[in-house]
Protein backbone atom coordinates (compact mmCIF):
# COMPACT_ATOMS: atom_id res chain seq x y z
CA MET A 1 24.97 22.68 -7.31
CA ILE A 2 23.96 19.01 -7.39
CA ASN A 3 26.93 18.06 -5.25
CA ARG A 4 26.08 20.69 -2.66
CA TRP A 5 22.40 19.78 -2.65
CA LEU A 6 22.79 16.02 -2.43
CA PHE A 7 26.12 15.39 -0.75
CA THR A 8 26.42 18.06 1.95
CA HIS A 9 26.55 16.15 5.22
CA ILE A 10 23.96 16.91 7.90
CA ASP A 11 23.26 15.53 11.35
CA ASN A 12 21.78 12.03 11.13
CA SER A 13 19.65 12.03 14.30
CA SER A 14 16.37 12.07 12.35
CA LEU A 15 17.24 8.96 10.35
CA VAL A 16 18.45 7.11 13.44
CA VAL A 17 15.28 7.93 15.38
CA PHE A 18 13.12 6.96 12.43
CA ARG A 19 14.91 3.60 12.15
CA VAL A 20 14.01 2.80 15.75
CA LEU A 21 10.36 3.79 15.27
CA PHE A 22 10.16 2.06 11.91
CA GLY A 23 11.59 -1.19 13.23
CA PHE A 24 9.19 -1.19 16.17
CA LEU A 25 6.15 -0.53 13.95
CA ILE A 26 6.92 -3.18 11.35
CA ALA A 27 7.58 -5.69 14.12
CA ALA A 28 4.22 -4.78 15.64
CA GLU A 29 2.58 -5.19 12.22
CA SER A 30 4.07 -8.65 11.81
CA PHE A 31 3.30 -9.99 15.27
CA GLY A 32 -0.12 -8.30 15.13
CA ALA A 33 -0.96 -10.20 11.95
CA ILE A 34 -0.46 -13.41 13.92
CA ALA A 35 -2.32 -12.28 17.04
CA THR A 36 -5.40 -10.88 15.25
CA GLY A 37 -5.94 -13.92 13.05
CA TRP A 38 -5.16 -11.99 9.86
CA ILE A 39 -2.76 -14.69 8.67
CA ARG A 40 -5.25 -17.46 9.33
CA ARG A 41 -8.09 -15.69 7.51
CA THR A 42 -6.03 -14.37 4.62
CA LEU A 43 -3.29 -16.89 3.93
CA ILE A 44 -4.09 -20.21 5.60
CA GLU A 45 -7.84 -20.87 5.38
CA PRO A 46 -8.33 -19.96 1.67
CA GLN A 47 -7.67 -22.73 -0.86
CA PHE A 48 -5.55 -20.32 -2.87
CA THR A 49 -4.72 -16.62 -2.90
CA PHE A 50 -5.24 -13.94 -5.53
CA ASN A 51 -1.61 -13.11 -6.14
CA PHE A 52 -0.51 -10.31 -8.45
CA ILE A 53 -1.00 -11.61 -11.99
CA GLY A 54 2.18 -13.14 -13.36
CA LEU A 55 3.53 -14.02 -9.90
CA ASP A 56 1.76 -17.34 -9.50
CA PHE A 57 4.85 -18.89 -7.88
CA LEU A 58 4.14 -16.75 -4.78
CA GLN A 59 1.91 -18.97 -2.69
CA PRO A 60 1.46 -19.28 1.09
CA LEU A 61 3.66 -21.82 2.84
CA PRO A 62 1.84 -25.02 3.77
CA GLY A 63 0.60 -25.85 7.24
CA SER A 64 1.71 -23.35 9.85
CA GLY A 65 4.46 -22.02 7.61
CA MET A 66 3.04 -18.53 7.33
CA TYR A 67 3.06 -18.14 11.11
CA TYR A 68 6.80 -18.81 11.11
CA TYR A 69 7.14 -16.52 8.08
CA PHE A 70 5.55 -13.59 9.94
CA ALA A 71 7.36 -14.41 13.18
CA THR A 72 10.60 -14.13 11.21
CA MET A 73 9.45 -10.77 9.87
CA GLY A 74 8.67 -9.63 13.41
CA ILE A 75 12.11 -10.66 14.63
CA LEU A 76 13.74 -8.86 11.69
CA GLY A 77 11.73 -5.76 12.58
CA LEU A 78 13.14 -5.87 16.11
CA LEU A 79 16.65 -6.32 14.74
CA ILE A 80 16.11 -3.26 12.56
CA MET A 81 14.91 -1.33 15.60
CA ILE A 82 18.04 -2.14 17.64
CA GLY A 83 20.32 -1.94 14.60
CA TYR A 84 21.74 -5.46 14.66
CA LYS A 85 22.99 -6.78 11.31
CA TYR A 86 20.98 -3.90 9.96
CA THR A 87 21.69 -4.30 6.24
CA TRP A 88 20.82 -7.98 6.20
CA SER A 89 17.82 -7.45 8.49
CA ILE A 90 16.22 -4.73 6.37
CA ILE A 91 16.92 -6.56 3.11
CA GLY A 92 15.47 -9.73 4.60
CA TYR A 93 12.36 -7.94 5.80
CA THR A 94 11.95 -6.20 2.44
CA ILE A 95 12.06 -9.52 0.57
CA LEU A 96 9.60 -11.18 2.94
CA TRP A 97 7.21 -8.22 2.90
CA ALA A 98 7.37 -8.09 -0.90
CA GLY A 99 6.40 -11.75 -0.90
CA VAL A 100 3.36 -11.07 1.28
CA TYR A 101 2.38 -7.99 -0.71
CA PHE A 102 2.47 -9.70 -4.09
CA MET A 103 1.08 -12.98 -2.74
CA GLN A 104 -2.46 -11.82 -2.08
CA LYS A 105 -4.86 -9.01 -2.98
CA ALA A 106 -7.87 -9.82 -0.79
CA SER A 107 -6.47 -7.53 1.93
CA TYR A 108 -4.94 -4.91 -0.30
CA ASN A 109 -4.46 -1.24 0.50
CA ASN A 110 -2.10 1.48 -0.64
CA HIS A 111 -0.34 1.54 2.71
CA TYR A 112 1.08 -1.93 2.08
CA TYR A 113 2.60 -0.58 -1.12
CA LEU A 114 4.04 2.43 0.70
CA LEU A 115 5.59 0.12 3.27
CA LEU A 116 7.25 -1.85 0.48
CA LEU A 117 8.69 1.35 -1.01
CA LEU A 118 9.94 2.47 2.40
CA CYS A 119 11.60 -0.87 3.02
CA MET A 120 13.41 -0.57 -0.30
CA MET A 121 14.55 2.95 0.55
CA MET A 122 15.63 2.02 4.07
CA SER A 123 17.74 -0.76 2.56
CA ILE A 124 20.10 1.82 1.06
CA LEU A 125 20.04 4.40 3.86
CA PRO A 126 22.78 4.43 6.55
CA ALA A 127 20.22 4.23 9.33
CA ALA A 128 22.28 2.09 11.72
CA ASN A 129 25.39 4.26 11.85
CA TYR A 130 24.52 5.41 15.36
CA PHE A 131 22.60 4.07 18.38
CA SER A 132 22.81 0.50 17.14
CA ILE A 133 24.24 -2.85 18.13
CA ASP A 134 26.27 -2.78 14.94
CA THR A 135 28.19 0.31 16.07
CA LYS A 136 28.65 -1.16 19.55
CA LEU A 137 30.26 -4.23 18.03
CA ASN A 138 32.18 -2.25 15.43
CA PRO A 139 32.84 1.36 16.54
CA GLY A 140 34.36 2.12 13.14
CA LEU A 141 30.84 2.14 11.68
CA LYS A 142 29.71 4.95 13.97
CA LYS A 143 28.90 8.23 12.23
CA VAL A 144 27.06 11.33 13.38
CA SER A 145 26.24 12.63 9.92
CA MET A 146 24.70 11.53 6.64
CA PRO A 147 24.55 13.01 3.12
CA ARG A 148 21.55 15.23 2.54
CA TRP A 149 20.10 12.98 -0.16
CA CYS A 150 19.14 10.52 2.58
CA LEU A 151 16.69 13.10 3.90
CA LEU A 152 15.54 14.44 0.54
CA ILE A 153 14.43 11.12 -0.96
CA VAL A 154 12.13 10.42 1.98
CA ILE A 155 10.55 13.86 1.77
CA ALA A 156 10.18 13.63 -2.01
CA GLN A 157 8.53 10.20 -1.79
CA LEU A 158 6.06 11.39 0.83
CA TRP A 159 5.28 14.52 -1.18
CA ILE A 160 4.39 12.37 -4.19
CA VAL A 161 2.16 10.09 -2.12
CA TYR A 162 0.20 12.83 -0.39
CA THR A 163 -0.13 15.02 -3.48
CA TYR A 164 -1.56 12.22 -5.61
CA ALA A 165 -3.87 11.23 -2.76
CA SER A 166 -5.24 14.78 -2.70
CA VAL A 167 -5.56 15.25 -6.47
CA ALA A 168 -7.40 11.95 -6.83
CA LYS A 169 -10.17 13.30 -4.59
CA PHE A 170 -11.12 15.99 -7.09
CA TYR A 171 -13.96 14.03 -8.63
CA PRO A 172 -17.78 14.21 -8.22
CA ASP A 173 -18.38 11.32 -5.81
CA TRP A 174 -15.91 12.77 -3.31
CA LEU A 175 -16.86 16.41 -3.75
CA ASP A 176 -20.61 15.77 -3.33
CA TYR A 177 -19.89 13.88 -0.07
CA THR A 178 -21.04 10.51 -1.45
CA VAL A 179 -17.85 8.65 -0.60
CA PRO A 180 -17.38 10.04 2.94
CA LYS A 181 -21.05 9.31 3.66
CA ASN A 182 -20.74 5.75 2.40
CA LEU A 183 -17.56 5.21 4.40
CA MET A 184 -19.30 6.30 7.60
CA ILE A 185 -22.50 4.27 7.13
CA SER A 186 -20.70 1.03 7.93
CA ARG A 187 -19.36 2.61 11.11
CA ALA A 188 -22.69 3.69 12.56
CA ASN A 189 -22.42 1.11 15.34
CA TYR A 190 -19.14 2.47 16.69
CA PRO A 191 -19.50 3.34 20.39
CA VAL A 192 -19.61 7.06 21.27
CA ILE A 193 -18.65 8.35 17.80
CA GLY A 194 -20.89 6.20 15.60
CA GLU A 195 -23.78 8.69 15.60
CA ILE A 196 -21.48 11.67 15.04
CA LEU A 197 -19.99 9.96 11.98
CA GLN A 198 -23.42 9.95 10.34
CA LYS A 199 -23.86 13.74 10.53
CA HIS A 200 -23.76 15.75 7.32
CA TRP A 201 -21.26 18.20 8.77
CA THR A 202 -18.95 15.25 9.48
CA HIS A 203 -19.12 14.20 5.82
CA VAL A 204 -18.43 17.76 4.67
CA SER A 205 -15.49 18.03 7.06
CA ILE A 206 -13.99 14.75 5.89
CA THR A 207 -14.41 15.80 2.26
CA TYR A 208 -12.51 19.05 2.44
CA PHE A 209 -10.15 18.19 5.27
CA GLY A 210 -9.04 15.09 3.34
CA ILE A 211 -8.24 17.13 0.24
CA LEU A 212 -6.52 19.99 2.03
CA PHE A 213 -4.53 17.92 4.50
CA ASP A 214 -3.09 15.63 1.82
CA LEU A 215 -2.31 18.57 -0.45
CA LEU A 216 -0.71 20.83 2.15
CA VAL A 217 0.77 18.61 4.86
CA ILE A 218 4.24 18.29 3.30
CA PRO A 219 4.66 21.98 2.34
CA LEU A 220 3.41 23.09 5.76
CA LEU A 221 5.75 20.68 7.54
CA LEU A 222 8.64 22.09 5.52
CA TRP A 223 7.77 25.67 6.48
CA LYS A 224 9.00 26.46 9.98
CA ARG A 225 6.13 28.85 10.81
CA THR A 226 3.43 26.24 10.23
CA ARG A 227 5.32 23.09 11.18
CA LEU A 228 4.14 22.74 14.76
CA LEU A 229 0.52 23.57 13.90
CA ILE A 230 0.30 21.01 11.09
CA PHE A 231 2.01 18.45 13.31
CA PHE A 232 -0.73 18.71 15.93
CA ILE A 233 -3.38 18.68 13.21
CA GLY A 234 -1.67 15.59 11.85
CA ILE A 235 -1.90 13.87 15.23
CA PHE A 236 -5.68 14.37 15.18
CA PHE A 237 -5.95 13.35 11.51
CA HIS A 238 -3.97 10.14 11.86
CA LEU A 239 -5.53 9.11 15.17
CA PHE A 240 -8.95 9.65 13.60
CA ASN A 241 -7.96 7.39 10.71
CA SER A 242 -6.57 4.79 13.09
CA ILE A 243 -9.73 4.66 15.19
CA VAL A 244 -12.31 4.95 12.42
CA PHE A 245 -10.69 3.06 9.55
CA GLN A 246 -8.42 0.70 11.51
CA ILE A 247 -5.62 0.72 8.94
CA GLY A 248 -2.83 -0.82 10.98
CA ILE A 249 0.47 0.95 11.55
CA PHE A 250 0.14 3.54 8.78
CA PRO A 251 -1.19 6.44 10.93
CA TYR A 252 1.66 5.96 13.41
CA LEU A 253 4.20 5.54 10.63
CA SER A 254 2.97 8.84 9.20
CA LEU A 255 3.57 10.54 12.54
CA ALA A 256 7.04 8.98 12.72
CA PHE A 257 7.87 10.63 9.38
CA CYS A 258 7.68 14.01 11.13
CA VAL A 259 11.20 13.54 12.51
CA PHE A 260 12.44 14.29 8.97
CA PHE A 261 10.74 17.69 8.95
CA PHE A 262 11.56 19.18 12.33
CA SER A 263 14.90 20.92 12.65
CA LYS A 264 17.96 18.75 13.12
CA GLU A 265 18.68 20.61 16.35
CA LYS A 266 15.26 19.87 17.80
CA VAL A 267 15.31 16.19 16.91
CA HIS A 268 18.78 15.88 18.39
CA ARG A 269 17.77 17.71 21.55
CA LEU A 270 14.60 15.66 22.07
CA PHE A 271 15.88 12.18 21.26
CA MET A 272 19.70 12.08 21.05
CA LYS A 273 21.09 14.40 23.72
CA LYS A 274 24.13 12.21 24.32
CA LYS A 275 25.04 12.15 20.66
CA GLU A 276 27.52 14.63 19.22
CA PHE A 277 25.63 17.13 17.08
CA TYR A 278 27.11 17.49 13.62
CA THR A 279 27.53 21.03 12.27
CA ASP A 280 30.45 20.88 9.83
CA ASN A 281 28.32 20.76 6.64
CA GLU A 282 31.10 19.09 4.68
CA ILE A 283 30.52 18.26 1.02
CA ILE A 284 31.79 14.72 0.56
CA ILE A 285 31.46 13.30 -2.94
CA PRO A 286 30.90 9.54 -2.58
CA SER A 287 32.28 6.90 -4.89
CA TYR A 288 28.73 5.82 -5.72
CA LYS A 289 27.69 9.24 -7.09
CA ASN A 290 27.60 8.13 -10.74
CA LEU A 291 25.35 5.22 -9.77
CA LEU A 292 23.14 7.00 -7.25
CA ILE A 293 21.91 9.86 -9.43
CA PRO A 294 20.63 7.66 -12.31
CA ILE A 295 18.99 5.24 -9.87
CA LEU A 296 17.19 8.01 -7.99
CA SER A 297 16.15 9.64 -11.27
CA ILE A 298 14.62 6.40 -12.54
CA TRP A 299 12.96 5.75 -9.17
CA PHE A 300 11.20 9.11 -9.05
CA ILE A 301 10.23 9.09 -12.71
CA ILE A 302 8.47 5.79 -12.03
CA GLN A 303 6.86 7.18 -8.88
CA ILE A 304 5.52 10.18 -10.79
CA VAL A 305 4.35 8.33 -13.91
CA LEU A 306 2.91 5.14 -12.41
CA PRO A 307 0.00 6.80 -10.56
CA ILE A 308 -1.26 8.52 -13.71
CA ARG A 309 -1.05 5.54 -16.06
CA HIS A 310 -4.84 5.12 -15.89
CA TRP A 311 -5.14 8.21 -18.11
CA MET A 312 -3.58 6.13 -20.88
CA ILE A 313 -6.15 3.34 -20.48
CA PRO A 314 -9.67 3.74 -21.92
CA GLY A 315 -12.53 3.97 -19.44
CA ASP A 316 -13.09 5.47 -16.02
CA VAL A 317 -10.63 3.95 -13.56
CA LEU A 318 -13.27 4.08 -10.81
CA TRP A 319 -15.34 1.66 -12.88
CA THR A 320 -12.77 -0.46 -14.71
CA GLU A 321 -10.17 -0.58 -11.87
CA GLU A 322 -7.48 -0.64 -14.57
CA GLY A 323 -4.61 1.47 -13.26
CA HIS A 324 -6.08 1.78 -9.76
CA ARG A 325 -3.43 -0.08 -7.80
CA LEU A 326 -0.06 1.56 -7.05
CA SER A 327 -1.56 5.00 -7.69
CA TRP A 328 -2.41 6.39 -4.23
CA ARG A 329 -6.14 6.41 -4.99
CA MET A 330 -7.11 6.00 -1.34
CA MET A 331 -10.66 5.49 -0.08
CA LEU A 332 -12.23 6.79 -3.28
CA ARG A 333 -14.81 4.13 -3.97
CA GLY A 334 -16.83 1.33 -2.56
CA ARG A 335 -17.72 -1.55 -4.85
CA SER A 336 -20.48 -4.11 -4.48
CA GLY A 337 -22.05 -6.52 -6.88
CA THR A 338 -23.03 -10.04 -7.81
CA THR A 339 -20.95 -12.10 -10.17
CA HIS A 340 -21.95 -15.59 -11.21
CA PHE A 341 -19.50 -17.95 -12.88
CA TYR A 342 -20.61 -20.60 -15.35
CA VAL A 343 -18.54 -23.40 -16.84
CA VAL A 344 -19.18 -25.25 -20.08
CA ASP A 345 -17.45 -28.45 -21.17
CA LYS A 346 -15.97 -27.52 -24.55
CA ASN A 347 -15.72 -31.16 -25.65
CA ASP A 348 -19.41 -31.92 -25.09
CA PRO A 349 -21.56 -30.33 -27.82
CA GLU A 350 -24.67 -30.84 -25.70
CA ALA A 351 -23.16 -29.55 -22.48
CA LYS A 352 -25.16 -27.04 -20.48
CA ARG A 353 -23.80 -24.13 -18.51
CA VAL A 354 -23.12 -25.15 -14.91
CA ARG A 355 -23.17 -22.43 -12.28
CA ILE A 356 -20.25 -22.48 -9.88
CA ARG A 357 -20.79 -22.27 -6.12
CA LYS A 358 -18.12 -19.73 -5.24
CA LYS A 359 -18.11 -20.57 -1.55
CA GLU A 360 -16.76 -24.02 -2.40
CA TYR A 361 -13.58 -22.35 -3.64
CA LEU A 362 -13.34 -18.93 -2.00
CA SER A 363 -13.48 -17.33 1.44
CA LYS A 364 -16.09 -14.64 2.13
CA LYS A 365 -13.54 -11.90 1.60
CA GLN A 366 -12.35 -13.50 -1.63
CA ILE A 367 -15.93 -13.77 -2.87
CA ARG A 368 -16.32 -10.00 -2.47
CA LEU A 369 -13.08 -9.50 -4.38
CA ALA A 370 -14.04 -11.90 -7.18
CA SER A 371 -17.45 -10.27 -7.50
CA THR A 372 -16.28 -6.72 -8.23
CA LYS A 373 -12.62 -6.58 -9.32
CA PRO A 374 -11.82 -7.52 -12.93
CA ASP A 375 -8.40 -9.02 -12.26
CA ALA A 376 -9.81 -11.27 -9.53
CA ILE A 377 -12.71 -12.28 -11.78
CA TRP A 378 -10.24 -13.25 -14.50
CA GLN A 379 -7.99 -15.05 -12.04
CA PHE A 380 -10.86 -17.08 -10.63
CA ALA A 381 -11.77 -18.12 -14.18
CA GLN A 382 -8.18 -19.29 -14.62
CA ARG A 383 -8.41 -21.16 -11.33
CA LEU A 384 -11.57 -22.95 -12.46
CA LYS A 385 -9.88 -23.85 -15.74
CA LYS A 386 -7.02 -25.46 -13.81
CA VAL A 387 -9.34 -27.34 -11.45
CA TYR A 388 -11.32 -28.81 -14.32
CA ARG A 389 -8.19 -29.53 -16.35
CA ASP A 390 -6.94 -31.65 -13.47
CA LYS A 391 -10.19 -33.61 -13.85
CA GLY A 392 -9.48 -34.12 -17.53
CA LYS A 393 -11.95 -31.51 -18.80
CA ASP A 394 -11.41 -28.54 -21.08
CA ILE A 395 -13.86 -25.80 -20.10
CA ALA A 396 -15.00 -22.33 -21.00
CA VAL A 397 -15.86 -19.89 -18.23
CA PHE A 398 -18.53 -17.23 -18.68
CA VAL A 399 -19.52 -14.55 -16.21
CA ASP A 400 -22.75 -12.73 -15.42
CA SER A 401 -21.63 -9.68 -13.46
CA LYS A 402 -23.51 -6.66 -12.15
CA VAL A 403 -21.49 -4.09 -10.19
CA SER A 404 -22.25 -0.90 -8.29
CA VAL A 405 -19.69 1.79 -7.51
CA ASN A 406 -20.39 4.06 -4.54
CA ARG A 407 -23.89 2.62 -4.07
CA LYS A 408 -25.06 3.73 -7.51
CA LYS A 409 -27.26 1.66 -9.80
CA ARG A 410 -25.75 -1.68 -10.71
CA LYS A 411 -24.60 -2.10 -14.29
CA THR A 412 -23.28 -4.98 -16.31
CA PHE A 413 -19.56 -5.17 -15.72
CA ILE A 414 -18.26 -8.08 -17.79
CA ASP A 415 -19.10 -9.14 -21.35
CA ALA A 416 -21.12 -12.32 -20.75
CA THR A 417 -20.11 -13.78 -24.13
CA THR A 418 -16.36 -13.79 -23.40
CA ASP A 419 -14.75 -17.03 -22.32
CA LEU A 420 -12.56 -15.68 -19.51
CA ALA A 421 -10.71 -18.96 -19.14
CA ASN A 422 -9.18 -18.52 -22.56
CA VAL A 423 -8.35 -14.84 -22.92
CA PRO A 424 -5.09 -13.19 -21.79
CA TRP A 425 -4.82 -10.53 -19.12
CA ASN A 426 -3.60 -7.21 -20.49
CA TYR A 427 -1.40 -5.58 -17.89
CA PHE A 428 -0.64 -2.31 -19.68
CA THR A 429 -3.69 -1.84 -21.90
CA THR A 430 -7.40 -2.25 -21.43
CA ASN A 431 -9.13 -5.60 -21.26
CA PRO A 432 -11.91 -5.43 -23.88
CA TRP A 433 -14.27 -7.73 -21.98
CA ILE A 434 -14.69 -5.06 -19.26
CA ILE A 435 -17.73 -3.10 -20.40
CA LYS A 436 -17.05 0.66 -20.51
CA TYR A 437 -19.64 3.41 -20.24
CA ASP A 438 -19.44 6.97 -21.49
CA GLU A 439 -20.72 8.54 -18.28
CA LYS A 440 -18.41 8.91 -15.34
């Protein structure tokens, strides 16, 4: 049964078409980061970046290095699109994108994480076995089929992402329209649609459409009778997200995924007419079978467990943020607050608390991050400790933090008596200096 399910060969047109679209989109993302000034604002102008904790060695290249870094990524994206040195190109892009992803959190969103997962998956998929420079140079590489597992892992990954995104919305602030309303307030000045986005019926529509679309899009794409309808609904949904939320390539990447759901015959007919259509349905047991099945099992166990780890951590994840990242909790909260940092010279018994001027160390975007996110607050305390240590001083760092989630009343967020410069960061358990509240 497993052999038939995973290793029956099917036509590979969908994977080939997706490779072309994927390569074009990631190239556009890379070159766009240069053109829009994202690299300058995020990686060059700041004195340092808030990397993922424990990966301090990941720092932006000096000078104009990050421009060359992203230009290289863009070129690799184009090589992926045309299928030249595909394996090395996709592995290279994956490594570089992982570096960017883990290097900074000021411009974090779940779509960056999804792109990293897709790059890893595309690294093992035979996506350049047709319509590629590689097969032109070496015709022996050309194939018109692929094992079914190549299709199934993409669908399974997407199903996990969308399902968790839907389930996460079943909480009061989404269901009472608070979050959609707050999301639209900042977009009131949009031309033409700005006023419409402030209407109550718009907030109600976003609330329920967001839940239902994420929950049902994969099953309805898999069902032939509803496939075309949900595809056109998806076009509207993703274009709306692109225009209103301006979230880069993700809406278009989501539409590109649809080639995996339409029939092999239709994808072949629309995009690969000159290609031989494969119909033999051979079951070919590969030599890597005993390696593939355990790897895929571990991969999907992680993908299923990781998004629900916050249930194992005390406190409401919307407040504590512990377990929020890597969990497909998209657009569920807005955070605001004021956080003041104070340093005390530990070797001077008469030393007074000195308030830190954050703007001397952080960009505007980083200040927002270090005012509301506990990991960034802790990391900035560590940064201050290093700065003062270089001056020959041993300091304690205390924080006065008031935070609001979804425009609710501000509450004390951090224990003001804890020296954050001298406490560890707990990755897998709670950090006791984050103040928890019983109410959700």
